[in-house]
N, C-alpha and C. Protein backbone atom coordinates (compact mmCIF):
# COMPACT_ATOMS: atom_id res chain seq x y z
N MET A 1 69.05 100.50 125.83
CA MET A 1 68.91 100.25 124.44
C MET A 1 70.18 100.52 123.58
N LYS A 2 70.78 101.62 123.96
CA LYS A 2 71.96 102.07 123.23
C LYS A 2 72.97 101.16 123.54
N GLY A 3 73.15 100.66 124.79
CA GLY A 3 74.28 99.65 125.08
C GLY A 3 73.94 98.39 124.36
N LYS A 4 72.79 98.00 124.17
CA LYS A 4 72.55 96.60 123.49
C LYS A 4 72.92 96.93 121.95
N PHE A 5 72.50 98.03 121.40
CA PHE A 5 72.83 98.32 119.95
C PHE A 5 74.34 98.27 119.72
N SER A 6 75.15 98.91 120.63
CA SER A 6 76.65 99.06 120.52
C SER A 6 77.16 97.61 120.66
N LEU A 7 76.52 96.80 121.52
CA LEU A 7 77.07 95.41 121.72
C LEU A 7 76.76 94.64 120.44
N LEU A 8 75.58 94.83 119.96
CA LEU A 8 75.20 94.15 118.62
C LEU A 8 76.06 94.52 117.46
N VAL A 9 76.31 95.77 117.40
CA VAL A 9 77.23 96.27 116.27
C VAL A 9 78.67 95.71 116.44
N ALA A 10 79.18 95.65 117.73
CA ALA A 10 80.47 95.18 117.93
C ALA A 10 80.56 93.68 117.58
N ALA A 11 79.53 92.94 118.05
CA ALA A 11 79.46 91.61 117.76
C ALA A 11 79.48 91.25 116.23
N MET A 12 78.65 91.94 115.47
CA MET A 12 78.45 91.72 114.15
C MET A 12 79.86 92.06 113.41
N THR A 13 80.54 93.14 113.81
CA THR A 13 81.78 93.51 113.15
C THR A 13 82.75 92.40 113.44
N PHE A 14 82.81 91.95 114.56
CA PHE A 14 83.78 90.82 114.97
C PHE A 14 83.40 89.56 114.13
N GLY A 15 82.29 89.22 114.08
CA GLY A 15 81.78 88.05 113.29
C GLY A 15 82.11 88.21 111.85
N ILE A 16 81.76 89.29 111.23
CA ILE A 16 82.10 89.53 109.84
C ILE A 16 83.59 89.47 109.58
N PHE A 17 84.37 90.09 110.44
CA PHE A 17 85.81 89.94 110.23
C PHE A 17 86.43 88.65 110.14
N PHE A 18 85.90 87.76 111.23
CA PHE A 18 86.58 86.44 111.28
C PHE A 18 85.93 85.47 110.39
N ALA A 19 84.69 85.68 110.02
CA ALA A 19 83.98 84.85 109.11
C ALA A 19 84.66 84.71 107.65
N ALA A 20 85.21 85.87 107.28
CA ALA A 20 85.83 85.94 106.09
C ALA A 20 87.31 85.55 106.05
N ALA A 21 87.88 85.27 107.31
CA ALA A 21 89.29 84.91 107.36
C ALA A 21 89.44 83.50 106.89
N SER A 22 90.58 83.23 106.26
CA SER A 22 90.90 81.94 105.85
C SER A 22 91.05 80.99 106.99
N LEU A 23 91.59 81.35 108.10
CA LEU A 23 91.87 80.54 109.20
C LEU A 23 90.90 81.08 110.37
N TYR A 24 89.72 80.50 110.54
CA TYR A 24 88.87 80.96 111.57
C TYR A 24 89.27 80.51 112.98
N ALA A 25 89.24 81.37 113.83
CA ALA A 25 89.85 81.00 115.20
C ALA A 25 89.12 79.86 115.85
N ALA A 26 87.87 79.63 115.61
CA ALA A 26 87.23 78.57 116.34
C ALA A 26 86.95 77.38 115.37
N SER A 27 87.75 77.29 114.38
CA SER A 27 87.55 76.14 113.36
C SER A 27 87.70 74.76 114.04
N THR A 28 86.70 73.83 113.64
CA THR A 28 86.96 72.57 114.21
C THR A 28 87.55 71.61 113.08
N THR A 29 87.61 72.05 111.89
CA THR A 29 88.19 71.28 110.90
C THR A 29 89.28 72.18 110.20
N VAL A 30 90.21 71.53 109.70
CA VAL A 30 91.38 72.30 109.05
C VAL A 30 91.32 71.91 107.55
N PRO A 31 91.16 72.99 106.71
CA PRO A 31 91.12 72.56 105.27
C PRO A 31 92.54 72.10 104.81
N ASP A 32 92.48 71.16 103.80
CA ASP A 32 93.73 70.59 103.29
C ASP A 32 94.64 71.75 102.73
N VAL A 33 93.91 72.69 102.01
CA VAL A 33 94.67 73.88 101.32
C VAL A 33 94.02 75.10 101.92
N VAL A 34 94.79 76.02 102.38
CA VAL A 34 94.39 77.24 102.94
C VAL A 34 94.88 78.40 102.03
N LYS A 35 93.95 79.20 101.55
CA LYS A 35 94.34 80.41 100.84
C LYS A 35 94.62 81.58 101.85
N MET A 36 95.74 81.97 101.85
CA MET A 36 96.30 82.94 102.97
C MET A 36 95.78 84.43 102.69
N ASP A 37 94.53 84.54 102.46
CA ASP A 37 93.89 85.78 102.14
C ASP A 37 93.27 86.27 103.39
N ASN A 38 93.78 87.44 103.77
CA ASN A 38 93.35 87.94 105.20
C ASN A 38 92.56 89.37 104.84
N PRO A 39 91.36 89.43 105.35
CA PRO A 39 90.54 90.63 105.16
C PRO A 39 91.10 91.88 105.78
N ALA A 40 92.02 91.69 106.66
CA ALA A 40 92.60 93.00 107.29
C ALA A 40 93.34 93.78 106.28
N TYR A 41 93.74 93.15 105.19
CA TYR A 41 94.49 94.00 104.11
C TYR A 41 93.43 94.63 103.22
N GLU A 42 93.66 95.88 103.06
CA GLU A 42 92.90 96.69 102.05
C GLU A 42 93.10 96.16 100.62
N LYS A 43 94.37 95.95 100.36
CA LYS A 43 94.77 95.68 99.07
C LYS A 43 96.11 94.70 99.19
N HIS A 44 96.12 93.62 98.35
CA HIS A 44 97.39 92.81 98.43
C HIS A 44 98.35 93.20 97.31
N THR A 45 99.55 93.36 97.45
CA THR A 45 100.41 93.76 96.59
C THR A 45 101.12 92.60 95.75
N LYS A 46 100.95 91.43 96.35
CA LYS A 46 101.43 90.19 95.68
C LYS A 46 100.39 89.18 95.54
N PRO A 47 100.48 88.24 94.80
CA PRO A 47 99.45 87.16 94.74
C PRO A 47 99.19 86.52 96.05
N ILE A 48 98.11 85.99 96.32
CA ILE A 48 97.82 85.32 97.59
C ILE A 48 98.54 83.97 97.59
N VAL A 49 99.16 83.62 98.77
CA VAL A 49 99.81 82.33 99.01
C VAL A 49 98.82 81.31 99.26
N THR A 50 98.92 80.13 98.63
CA THR A 50 98.16 78.97 98.83
C THR A 50 98.87 78.06 99.70
N PHE A 51 98.55 77.79 100.93
CA PHE A 51 99.23 77.01 101.94
C PHE A 51 98.74 75.65 101.95
N THR A 52 99.57 74.60 101.87
CA THR A 52 99.05 73.18 101.88
C THR A 52 99.19 72.70 103.29
N HIS A 53 98.13 72.91 104.15
CA HIS A 53 98.21 72.61 105.50
C HIS A 53 98.34 71.04 105.73
N LYS A 54 97.64 70.34 104.97
CA LYS A 54 97.70 68.77 105.06
C LYS A 54 99.04 68.29 104.79
N LYS A 55 99.66 68.73 103.74
CA LYS A 55 100.99 68.27 103.24
C LYS A 55 102.01 68.71 104.34
N HIS A 56 101.91 69.80 104.87
CA HIS A 56 102.89 70.32 105.93
C HIS A 56 102.65 69.43 107.25
N ALA A 57 101.48 69.23 107.59
CA ALA A 57 101.13 68.54 108.81
C ALA A 57 101.39 67.11 108.85
N THR A 58 101.25 66.51 107.55
CA THR A 58 101.42 65.06 107.53
C THR A 58 102.64 64.70 106.70
N GLU A 59 102.64 64.86 105.41
CA GLU A 59 103.83 64.41 104.48
C GLU A 59 105.11 65.02 104.94
N TYR A 60 105.19 66.28 105.00
CA TYR A 60 106.45 67.01 105.32
C TYR A 60 106.92 66.54 106.75
N ALA A 61 105.99 66.64 107.56
CA ALA A 61 106.36 66.44 109.04
C ALA A 61 106.84 64.94 109.23
N THR A 62 106.14 64.11 108.42
CA THR A 62 106.60 62.62 108.50
C THR A 62 108.14 62.42 108.04
N ALA A 63 108.28 63.19 106.88
CA ALA A 63 109.60 63.06 106.22
C ALA A 63 110.75 63.76 106.91
N ASN A 64 110.32 64.80 107.78
CA ASN A 64 111.42 65.57 108.30
C ASN A 64 111.03 65.70 109.93
N PRO A 65 111.11 64.76 110.67
CA PRO A 65 110.64 64.75 112.02
C PRO A 65 111.46 65.60 112.93
N ASP A 66 112.68 65.90 112.56
CA ASP A 66 113.54 66.78 113.34
C ASP A 66 113.05 68.29 113.22
N LEU A 67 112.61 68.55 111.91
CA LEU A 67 112.17 69.94 111.74
C LEU A 67 110.70 70.16 112.37
N PHE A 68 109.97 69.09 112.46
CA PHE A 68 108.58 69.15 112.96
C PHE A 68 108.56 68.42 114.37
N LYS A 69 109.66 68.59 115.20
CA LYS A 69 109.68 67.96 116.52
C LYS A 69 108.66 68.56 117.54
N ASN A 70 108.16 69.85 117.13
CA ASN A 70 107.03 70.37 118.02
C ASN A 70 105.69 70.14 117.47
N GLY A 71 105.53 69.13 116.59
CA GLY A 71 104.19 68.96 115.96
C GLY A 71 103.55 70.19 115.44
N CYS A 72 102.46 70.48 115.87
CA CYS A 72 101.73 71.64 115.39
C CYS A 72 102.39 72.92 115.76
N GLY A 73 103.09 72.83 117.00
CA GLY A 73 103.82 73.97 117.47
C GLY A 73 104.94 74.37 116.67
N THR A 74 105.34 73.67 115.64
CA THR A 74 106.22 74.01 114.57
C THR A 74 105.87 75.39 113.98
N CYS A 75 104.48 75.61 113.78
CA CYS A 75 104.07 76.88 113.17
C CYS A 75 103.23 77.65 114.21
N HIS A 76 102.41 76.88 114.99
CA HIS A 76 101.47 77.58 115.93
C HIS A 76 102.11 77.82 117.28
N HIS A 77 102.12 79.11 117.82
CA HIS A 77 102.74 79.34 119.15
C HIS A 77 101.85 80.23 119.90
N ASP A 78 102.33 80.33 121.07
CA ASP A 78 101.41 81.19 122.09
C ASP A 78 101.90 82.66 122.06
N LYS A 79 101.46 83.40 122.92
CA LYS A 79 101.61 84.86 123.02
C LYS A 79 103.22 85.21 123.40
N ASP A 80 103.82 84.13 124.04
CA ASP A 80 105.25 84.23 124.37
C ASP A 80 106.19 83.60 123.35
N ASN A 81 105.57 83.29 122.26
CA ASN A 81 106.35 82.60 121.08
C ASN A 81 106.74 81.13 121.41
N LYS A 82 106.10 80.48 122.37
CA LYS A 82 106.36 79.12 122.81
C LYS A 82 105.48 78.19 121.95
N PRO A 83 106.00 77.17 121.40
CA PRO A 83 105.31 76.19 120.49
C PRO A 83 104.12 75.58 121.35
N LEU A 84 103.00 75.55 120.59
CA LEU A 84 101.74 74.89 121.24
C LEU A 84 101.88 73.44 120.81
N THR A 85 102.58 72.67 121.60
CA THR A 85 102.86 71.33 121.24
C THR A 85 101.76 70.31 121.51
N ASN A 86 100.76 70.67 122.23
CA ASN A 86 99.64 69.73 122.55
C ASN A 86 98.51 69.88 121.53
N LEU A 87 98.58 70.67 120.58
CA LEU A 87 97.61 70.87 119.63
C LEU A 87 97.17 69.57 118.90
N LYS A 88 95.86 69.29 118.63
CA LYS A 88 95.57 68.37 117.73
C LYS A 88 94.40 68.93 116.74
N GLU A 89 94.18 68.24 115.61
CA GLU A 89 93.18 68.79 114.60
C GLU A 89 91.87 68.86 115.32
N GLY A 90 91.36 70.05 115.06
CA GLY A 90 89.97 70.34 115.77
C GLY A 90 90.05 71.39 116.91
N ASP A 91 91.30 71.47 117.53
CA ASP A 91 91.53 72.45 118.56
C ASP A 91 91.46 73.83 118.09
N GLU A 92 91.04 74.69 118.97
CA GLU A 92 91.01 76.07 118.66
C GLU A 92 92.39 76.75 118.45
N VAL A 93 92.61 77.44 117.41
CA VAL A 93 93.82 78.18 117.28
C VAL A 93 93.34 79.73 116.75
N HIS A 94 94.17 80.55 117.02
CA HIS A 94 93.91 81.97 116.63
C HIS A 94 94.51 82.39 115.35
N ASP A 95 93.97 83.18 114.56
CA ASP A 95 94.41 83.68 113.25
C ASP A 95 95.74 84.58 113.76
N CYS A 96 96.65 84.49 112.99
CA CYS A 96 98.01 85.17 113.25
C CYS A 96 97.69 86.71 113.46
N ILE A 97 96.77 87.31 112.66
CA ILE A 97 96.55 88.72 112.78
C ILE A 97 95.89 89.16 114.23
N GLU A 98 95.57 88.20 114.97
CA GLU A 98 95.03 88.52 116.22
C GLU A 98 96.18 89.05 117.15
N CYS A 99 97.41 88.59 116.98
CA CYS A 99 98.54 89.05 117.80
C CYS A 99 99.48 90.02 117.05
N HIS A 100 99.67 89.63 115.66
CA HIS A 100 100.49 90.40 114.77
C HIS A 100 99.46 91.32 114.12
N LYS A 101 99.03 92.48 114.81
CA LYS A 101 97.87 93.16 114.38
C LYS A 101 97.99 94.12 113.19
N ILE A 102 99.15 94.48 112.78
CA ILE A 102 99.37 95.47 111.68
C ILE A 102 99.40 94.92 110.40
N PRO A 103 98.46 95.04 109.48
CA PRO A 103 98.62 94.40 108.20
C PRO A 103 99.79 94.87 107.46
N GLY A 104 100.45 94.08 106.67
CA GLY A 104 101.58 94.59 105.87
C GLY A 104 102.92 94.28 106.44
N LYS A 105 103.92 94.81 105.73
CA LYS A 105 105.24 94.74 106.24
C LYS A 105 105.68 95.89 107.13
N ALA A 106 106.65 95.65 107.89
CA ALA A 106 107.10 96.80 108.74
C ALA A 106 107.89 97.73 107.91
N PRO A 107 107.87 99.02 108.35
CA PRO A 107 108.79 100.04 107.64
C PRO A 107 110.21 99.78 107.92
N LEU A 108 111.06 100.33 107.25
CA LEU A 108 112.53 100.12 107.49
C LEU A 108 112.92 100.79 108.76
N LYS A 109 112.28 101.97 109.09
CA LYS A 109 112.62 102.65 110.29
C LYS A 109 111.37 103.23 111.08
N ASN A 110 111.49 103.48 112.29
CA ASN A 110 110.43 104.09 113.04
C ASN A 110 110.33 105.56 112.61
N GLU A 111 109.23 106.23 113.03
CA GLU A 111 109.08 107.65 112.67
C GLU A 111 110.14 108.51 113.06
N ASP A 112 110.78 108.16 114.33
CA ASP A 112 111.79 108.99 114.73
C ASP A 112 113.23 108.61 114.08
N GLY A 113 113.24 107.79 113.05
CA GLY A 113 114.37 107.39 112.21
C GLY A 113 115.15 106.20 112.93
N SER A 114 114.75 105.69 114.02
CA SER A 114 115.50 104.60 114.64
C SER A 114 115.12 103.31 113.95
N LYS A 115 115.94 102.38 114.08
CA LYS A 115 115.74 101.00 113.47
C LYS A 115 114.67 100.29 114.41
N LEU A 116 113.85 99.48 113.73
CA LEU A 116 112.80 98.74 114.45
C LEU A 116 113.53 97.66 115.12
N THR A 117 113.04 97.21 116.32
CA THR A 117 113.55 96.04 116.98
C THR A 117 112.85 94.79 116.38
N ASP A 118 113.48 93.72 116.61
CA ASP A 118 112.70 92.36 116.05
C ASP A 118 111.33 92.21 116.59
N LYS A 119 111.17 92.62 117.95
CA LYS A 119 109.80 92.60 118.49
C LYS A 119 108.84 93.55 117.85
N GLU A 120 109.33 94.76 117.47
CA GLU A 120 108.50 95.77 116.80
C GLU A 120 108.15 95.28 115.36
N LYS A 121 109.04 94.62 114.64
CA LYS A 121 108.82 94.11 113.28
C LYS A 121 107.73 93.04 113.45
N LEU A 122 107.72 92.20 114.44
CA LEU A 122 106.83 91.13 114.47
C LEU A 122 105.39 91.55 114.87
N GLU A 123 105.21 92.83 115.16
CA GLU A 123 103.85 93.32 115.32
C GLU A 123 103.19 93.49 113.99
N TYR A 124 103.91 93.36 112.79
CA TYR A 124 103.33 93.48 111.48
C TYR A 124 103.08 92.09 111.01
N HIS A 125 101.91 91.81 110.57
CA HIS A 125 101.35 90.55 110.13
C HIS A 125 102.33 89.90 109.03
N ALA A 126 102.66 90.57 108.03
CA ALA A 126 103.42 89.96 106.98
C ALA A 126 104.80 89.65 107.47
N GLU A 127 105.38 90.43 108.36
CA GLU A 127 106.83 90.13 108.93
C GLU A 127 106.62 88.81 109.78
N ALA A 128 105.55 88.59 110.51
CA ALA A 128 105.53 87.39 111.32
C ALA A 128 105.30 86.17 110.40
N MET A 129 104.51 86.45 109.50
CA MET A 129 104.30 85.23 108.57
C MET A 129 105.55 84.86 107.72
N HIS A 130 106.23 85.80 107.25
CA HIS A 130 107.44 85.67 106.49
C HIS A 130 108.48 85.01 107.40
N ASP A 131 108.65 85.58 108.56
CA ASP A 131 109.64 85.08 109.56
C ASP A 131 109.35 83.54 109.84
N ASN A 132 108.15 83.20 110.16
CA ASN A 132 107.75 81.85 110.47
C ASN A 132 107.96 80.89 109.28
N CYS A 133 107.48 81.22 108.18
CA CYS A 133 107.69 80.36 107.00
C CYS A 133 109.02 80.19 106.39
N LYS A 134 109.63 81.39 106.24
CA LYS A 134 110.97 81.39 105.62
C LYS A 134 112.07 80.70 106.41
N GLU A 135 111.89 80.88 107.72
CA GLU A 135 113.01 80.31 108.62
C GLU A 135 112.90 78.76 108.50
N CYS A 136 111.68 78.22 108.56
CA CYS A 136 111.43 76.85 108.53
C CYS A 136 111.86 76.25 107.12
N HIS A 137 111.59 77.01 106.11
CA HIS A 137 111.96 76.66 104.71
C HIS A 137 113.37 76.58 104.58
N LYS A 138 114.08 77.61 105.19
CA LYS A 138 115.53 77.60 105.14
C LYS A 138 116.20 76.50 105.85
N GLU A 139 115.60 76.08 107.15
CA GLU A 139 116.09 74.97 107.83
C GLU A 139 115.91 73.68 107.01
N TYR A 140 114.65 73.49 106.42
CA TYR A 140 114.49 72.37 105.66
C TYR A 140 115.48 72.31 104.46
N ASP A 141 115.76 73.27 103.73
CA ASP A 141 116.64 73.20 102.59
C ASP A 141 118.05 72.83 103.08
N LYS A 142 118.42 73.39 104.20
CA LYS A 142 119.81 73.12 104.80
C LYS A 142 119.96 71.55 105.28
N ALA A 143 118.78 71.07 105.94
CA ALA A 143 118.87 69.77 106.31
C ALA A 143 118.74 68.73 105.12
N SER A 144 117.98 69.19 104.09
CA SER A 144 117.75 68.21 103.00
C SER A 144 118.96 68.32 101.85
N GLY A 145 119.70 69.38 102.00
CA GLY A 145 120.66 69.74 100.97
C GLY A 145 120.04 69.99 99.66
N THR A 146 118.76 70.52 99.75
CA THR A 146 118.02 70.91 98.45
C THR A 146 117.63 72.37 98.50
N LYS A 147 116.89 72.74 97.51
CA LYS A 147 116.25 74.06 97.48
C LYS A 147 114.72 73.88 97.26
N ASP A 148 114.25 72.75 97.74
CA ASP A 148 112.98 72.41 97.55
C ASP A 148 111.88 73.35 98.23
N ALA A 149 112.17 73.85 99.39
CA ALA A 149 111.27 74.71 100.11
C ALA A 149 111.51 76.11 99.68
N PRO A 150 110.51 76.82 99.21
CA PRO A 150 110.66 78.14 98.68
C PRO A 150 111.03 79.27 99.70
N THR A 151 111.95 80.08 99.32
CA THR A 151 112.39 81.15 100.28
C THR A 151 112.38 82.53 99.44
N THR A 152 111.88 82.58 98.35
CA THR A 152 111.85 83.89 97.61
C THR A 152 110.31 84.27 97.36
N CYS A 153 110.07 85.54 97.23
CA CYS A 153 108.69 86.02 97.05
C CYS A 153 107.89 85.12 96.01
N ASN A 154 108.51 85.19 94.83
CA ASN A 154 107.70 84.55 93.74
C ASN A 154 107.53 83.07 93.75
N LYS A 155 108.25 82.39 94.59
CA LYS A 155 108.03 80.98 94.77
C LYS A 155 106.75 80.72 95.65
N CYS A 156 106.51 81.57 96.56
CA CYS A 156 105.28 81.40 97.43
C CYS A 156 104.07 82.17 96.84
N HIS A 157 104.42 83.41 96.49
CA HIS A 157 103.26 84.29 95.86
C HIS A 157 103.27 83.96 94.42
N VAL A 158 102.62 82.93 94.00
CA VAL A 158 102.60 82.54 92.64
C VAL A 158 101.37 83.08 91.93
N LYS A 159 101.65 83.71 90.79
CA LYS A 159 100.46 84.31 89.99
C LYS A 159 99.62 83.17 89.42
N GLU A 160 98.36 83.32 89.52
CA GLU A 160 97.42 82.35 88.98
C GLU A 160 97.35 82.48 87.51
N GLU A 161 97.39 81.32 86.79
CA GLU A 161 97.32 81.47 85.25
C GLU A 161 95.80 81.60 84.97
N GLY A 162 95.65 82.30 83.85
CA GLY A 162 94.31 82.49 83.39
C GLY A 162 93.78 83.76 83.31
């Protein structure tokens, strides 16, 4: 009985955590707009990013085929950081926090005072998200000769009016 109860509690905890996530791991449909609000964070220090999945996957990808040469793999990757190039809408994807498990940004240094490696930094969810998004945005701006793709905090973390 105790084992079944523990299993039930674990299953419920797992279910609640992912049901509240904006990008559910077993999603069969992708919303056009995704609010990047992750329940792993106790408190957000900046406004939540609203990500336009449909625009990125269709409009931006069509206009910039060189930047999106890996299709969905441009953003979605495996545990070895290899692009998931065979994804199509409706396929199972995992929420970033499943691998980049530590909510928030990485500290400037480890507890022993040493500098964090790039691999250590990417254990932090915010670092992984920023790295993925900002690098692509910088590439887009360079290729297009514009500054259309945001690369600063306040351009992505926009305060809602009202």
